[in-house]
């Protein structure tokens, strides 16, 4: 038997032993994926984006390939907060149990400045972009829907990639013409008016009717629009 043949036989035998040895143990990645999938299934089907990551298992740890389903559970009275521990339990012929810490980050949709924006800028789509930021890192009344602020005016400058905050916006601006919508169950009237102060979405503001000169209080419902419900 020549040297090349011996080398090939040695390689095949050792490779086979290596594969066989690996087949005896659970993949760490599979166990981590099981923990992450289990946690993801605990949340309702909502529009919140979540980043769920299980801690990596120590490379020296070995868990026998489970010949039954691996059961996942949240032990104790833990809540689904930023950090939770998942128990994975194999009840097969070679039982084992592992506890895996899992981190949960809830990501919130946020409108941010695509470029640096000066005070007085009237916002359009080219100024803005949507990103996702971790809830705990998002402070203040951030804007989450781009369409709701198109046409609004900035009351202060905003740096590139900074969130757009409601308090930075003049959705209805003092001295500017607005549309007054008066509505009830039976009628719907529109008129022009002048805003007597700045206001953001949902805020109440005093408006002077352009035709009658009378003033009234209305709620800001959109950019340049206020509503009076009767």
Protein backbone atom coordinates (compact mmCIF):
# COMPACT_ATOMS: atom_id res chain seq x y z
CA UNK A 1 0.00 0.00 0.00
CA UNK A 2 1.59 3.29 -1.06
CA UNK A 3 1.81 6.44 1.04
CA UNK A 4 -0.99 8.27 -0.86
CA UNK A 5 -3.43 5.39 -0.31
CA UNK A 6 -2.61 5.26 3.41
CA UNK A 7 -3.15 9.02 3.70
CA UNK A 8 -6.55 8.82 1.98
CA UNK A 9 -7.69 5.95 4.21
CA UNK A 10 -6.57 7.83 7.33
CA UNK A 11 -8.45 10.97 6.20
CA UNK A 12 -11.68 9.05 5.47
CA UNK A 13 -11.59 7.19 8.79
CA UNK A 14 -10.85 10.25 10.93
CA UNK A 15 -13.42 12.35 9.06
CA UNK A 16 -16.04 9.67 9.62
CA UNK A 17 -15.22 9.56 13.32
CA UNK A 18 -15.45 13.36 13.53
CA UNK A 19 -18.88 13.44 11.86
CA UNK A 20 -20.10 10.56 14.05
CA UNK A 21 -18.88 12.37 17.18
CA UNK A 22 -20.66 15.58 16.14
CA UNK A 23 -23.90 13.67 15.58
CA UNK A 24 -23.88 12.66 19.25
CA UNK A 25 -24.28 16.23 20.48
CA UNK A 26 -26.90 18.91 20.08
CA UNK A 27 -25.86 21.90 17.98
CA UNK A 28 -25.40 24.96 20.18
CA UNK A 29 -26.86 27.12 17.43
CA UNK A 30 -29.97 24.94 17.29
CA UNK A 31 -30.50 25.26 21.04
CA UNK A 32 -30.05 29.03 20.89
CA UNK A 33 -32.53 29.21 18.00
CA UNK A 34 -35.05 27.13 19.99
CA UNK A 35 -34.85 29.57 22.91
CA UNK A 36 -35.26 32.60 20.62
CA UNK A 37 -38.19 31.06 18.73
CA UNK A 38 -39.92 30.14 21.99
CA UNK A 39 -39.65 33.71 23.32
CA UNK A 40 -40.85 35.19 20.02
CA UNK A 41 -43.96 32.99 20.21
CA UNK A 42 -44.89 34.48 23.60
CA UNK A 43 -45.69 37.87 22.08
CA UNK A 44 -48.94 38.79 20.29
CA UNK A 45 -48.99 39.27 16.54
CA UNK A 46 -48.52 43.04 16.65
CA UNK A 47 -46.56 45.64 14.69
CA UNK A 48 -43.73 45.92 17.19
CA UNK A 49 -40.35 44.87 15.88
CA UNK A 50 -38.36 42.83 18.41
CA UNK A 51 -34.71 41.83 18.45
CA UNK A 52 -34.50 38.56 20.42
CA UNK A 53 -31.04 37.12 21.07
CA UNK A 54 -30.04 34.13 23.19
CA UNK A 55 -26.64 34.14 24.87
CA UNK A 56 -24.05 31.95 23.21
CA UNK A 57 -23.54 28.59 24.91
CA UNK A 58 -20.06 27.90 26.25
CA UNK A 59 -18.16 26.03 23.53
CA UNK A 60 -16.96 23.49 26.13
CA UNK A 61 -20.52 22.47 27.05
CA UNK A 62 -21.97 19.33 25.46
CA UNK A 63 -25.58 18.13 25.39
CA UNK A 64 -26.46 14.66 24.15
CA UNK A 65 -28.52 14.58 20.98
CA UNK A 66 -32.09 14.47 22.30
CA UNK A 67 -34.18 11.53 21.06
CA UNK A 68 -37.43 13.29 22.08
CA UNK A 69 -38.86 16.77 21.68
CA UNK A 70 -36.99 19.45 23.60
CA UNK A 71 -39.37 21.32 25.89
CA UNK A 72 -38.96 25.07 26.39
CA UNK A 73 -40.33 27.04 29.33
CA UNK A 74 -39.84 30.22 31.32
CA UNK A 75 -39.02 29.02 34.85
CA UNK A 76 -40.23 30.79 37.97
CA UNK A 77 -42.32 33.96 37.84
CA UNK A 78 -40.30 35.86 35.28
CA UNK A 79 -41.86 38.54 33.12
CA UNK A 80 -41.05 39.18 29.49
CA UNK A 81 -38.77 42.11 30.19
CA UNK A 82 -35.45 43.00 28.54
CA UNK A 83 -33.80 39.92 30.08
CA UNK A 84 -35.40 36.53 30.60
CA UNK A 85 -34.09 33.01 31.16
CA UNK A 86 -35.39 30.10 29.08
CA UNK A 87 -35.23 26.50 30.27
CA UNK A 88 -34.65 23.83 27.61
CA UNK A 89 -35.37 20.31 28.85
CA UNK A 90 -34.67 17.02 27.10
CA UNK A 91 -36.66 14.13 28.64
CA UNK A 92 -35.22 11.47 26.33
CA UNK A 93 -33.10 8.44 27.14
CA UNK A 94 -30.18 10.73 28.08
CA UNK A 95 -32.00 13.62 29.76
CA UNK A 96 -30.47 17.03 30.31
CA UNK A 97 -31.52 20.56 31.17
CA UNK A 98 -30.04 23.93 30.19
CA UNK A 99 -30.88 27.51 31.18
CA UNK A 100 -30.29 30.13 28.49
CA UNK A 101 -30.41 33.90 29.13
CA UNK A 102 -32.26 35.73 26.35
CA UNK A 103 -32.20 39.47 25.64
CA UNK A 104 -35.30 41.19 24.24
CA UNK A 105 -35.14 44.59 22.58
CA UNK A 106 -38.38 46.22 21.48
CA UNK A 107 -37.73 48.39 18.46
CA UNK A 108 -39.91 51.42 17.79
CA UNK A 109 -40.51 52.99 14.39
CA UNK A 110 -39.13 56.53 14.46
CA UNK A 111 -39.02 59.35 11.90
CA UNK A 112 -35.53 60.90 11.78
CA UNK A 113 -33.86 63.65 9.78
CA UNK A 114 -32.16 62.32 6.65
CA UNK A 115 -30.07 65.53 6.51
CA UNK A 116 -29.40 68.42 8.87
CA UNK A 117 -32.52 70.61 8.97
CA UNK A 118 -32.64 74.32 9.79
CA UNK A 119 -35.24 76.10 11.90
CA UNK A 120 -38.22 77.08 9.76
CA UNK A 121 -37.85 74.15 7.34
CA UNK A 122 -41.18 72.91 5.97
CA UNK A 123 -40.82 69.14 6.03
CA UNK A 124 -41.14 66.95 2.96
CA UNK A 125 -40.29 63.29 2.25
CA UNK A 126 -36.78 64.14 1.05
CA UNK A 127 -35.95 65.47 4.52
CA UNK A 128 -37.00 62.35 6.42
CA UNK A 129 -36.51 58.61 6.76
CA UNK A 130 -37.89 55.78 8.91
CA UNK A 131 -35.61 53.85 11.27
CA UNK A 132 -36.14 51.48 14.19
CA UNK A 133 -34.71 52.37 17.59
CA UNK A 134 -34.79 50.52 20.88
CA UNK A 135 -37.73 51.71 22.98
CA UNK A 136 -35.59 52.39 26.04
CA UNK A 137 -33.31 54.68 24.01
CA UNK A 138 -36.20 56.67 22.55
CA UNK A 139 -37.11 59.65 24.70
CA UNK A 140 -39.73 62.34 24.30
CA UNK A 141 -42.75 62.45 22.03
CA UNK A 142 -41.13 61.06 18.90
CA UNK A 143 -42.95 61.03 15.58
CA UNK A 144 -43.56 57.52 14.24
CA UNK A 145 -45.53 58.20 11.04
CA UNK A 146 -43.88 60.25 8.31
CA UNK A 147 -47.12 61.24 6.58
CA UNK A 148 -48.41 62.96 9.73
CA UNK A 149 -45.68 65.63 9.61
CA UNK A 150 -45.29 66.31 5.89
CA UNK A 151 -45.86 70.06 5.55
CA UNK A 152 -45.14 70.82 9.22
CA UNK A 153 -42.60 73.53 10.06
CA UNK A 154 -39.60 73.06 12.36
CA UNK A 155 -39.40 75.40 15.35
CA UNK A 156 -35.73 74.55 15.89
CA UNK A 157 -32.89 72.94 13.96
CA UNK A 158 -32.57 69.16 13.86
CA UNK A 159 -29.30 67.32 13.32
CA UNK A 160 -28.90 64.54 10.78
CA UNK A 161 -30.21 61.14 12.03
CA UNK A 162 -31.89 62.77 15.05
CA UNK A 163 -35.52 61.82 15.80
CA UNK A 164 -38.24 64.31 14.93
CA UNK A 165 -40.04 65.27 18.15
CA UNK A 166 -43.58 66.62 18.32
CA UNK A 167 -42.44 69.57 20.42
CA UNK A 168 -40.06 70.60 17.62
CA UNK A 169 -42.92 70.98 15.16
CA UNK A 170 -45.35 73.68 14.31
CA UNK A 171 -48.20 71.70 12.71
CA UNK A 172 -50.44 74.74 12.94
CA UNK A 173 -48.39 77.94 13.04
CA UNK A 174 -49.24 81.32 14.56
CA UNK A 175 -50.42 83.85 11.98
CA UNK A 176 -50.86 81.29 9.21
CA UNK A 177 -54.08 80.33 7.46
CA UNK A 178 -55.66 77.05 8.53
CA UNK A 179 -58.72 75.08 7.50
CA UNK A 180 -61.43 74.93 10.16
CA UNK A 181 -63.56 71.79 9.98
CA UNK A 182 -66.82 71.93 11.96
CA UNK A 183 -68.57 68.58 12.05
CA UNK A 184 -71.39 66.74 13.70
CA UNK A 185 -73.43 63.64 12.92
CA UNK A 186 -75.56 65.56 10.41
CA UNK A 187 -73.31 68.20 8.81
CA UNK A 188 -69.74 69.01 7.85
CA UNK A 189 -68.62 72.65 7.32
CA UNK A 190 -65.22 73.98 6.24
CA UNK A 191 -63.96 77.53 6.66
CA UNK A 192 -60.70 79.46 6.69
CA UNK A 193 -59.13 80.89 9.81
CA UNK A 194 -55.93 82.32 11.27
CA UNK A 195 -54.03 80.47 14.01
CA UNK A 196 -53.42 82.65 17.07
CA UNK A 197 -50.58 80.44 18.37
CA UNK A 198 -48.40 77.48 17.41
CA UNK A 199 -49.72 73.99 18.09
CA UNK A 200 -48.82 70.35 17.49
CA UNK A 201 -51.00 67.38 16.55
CA UNK A 202 -53.77 66.77 19.07
CA UNK A 203 -53.29 70.08 20.86
CA UNK A 204 -56.02 72.69 21.22
CA UNK A 205 -55.48 76.12 19.70
CA UNK A 206 -57.45 79.36 19.33
CA UNK A 207 -58.41 80.26 15.77
CA UNK A 208 -59.83 83.50 14.34
CA UNK A 209 -62.45 82.94 11.66
CA UNK A 210 -61.29 84.86 8.57
CA UNK A 211 -64.82 85.82 7.50
CA UNK A 212 -66.61 86.63 10.78
CA UNK A 213 -63.65 87.67 12.90
CA UNK A 214 -64.91 85.48 15.74
CA UNK A 215 -62.46 83.35 17.68
CA UNK A 216 -62.97 79.73 18.64
CA UNK A 217 -61.00 76.87 20.14
CA UNK A 218 -60.28 73.83 17.99
CA UNK A 219 -58.13 70.72 18.01
CA UNK A 220 -55.26 70.24 15.57
CA UNK A 221 -56.10 67.19 13.45
CA UNK A 222 -53.56 67.47 10.60
CA UNK A 223 -51.02 69.85 9.13
CA UNK A 224 -52.89 73.15 8.65
CA UNK A 225 -56.22 71.65 9.74
CA UNK A 226 -58.18 72.09 12.98
CA UNK A 227 -61.43 70.39 13.96
CA UNK A 228 -64.41 71.51 16.01
CA UNK A 229 -66.79 68.74 17.04
CA UNK A 230 -70.36 69.70 17.85
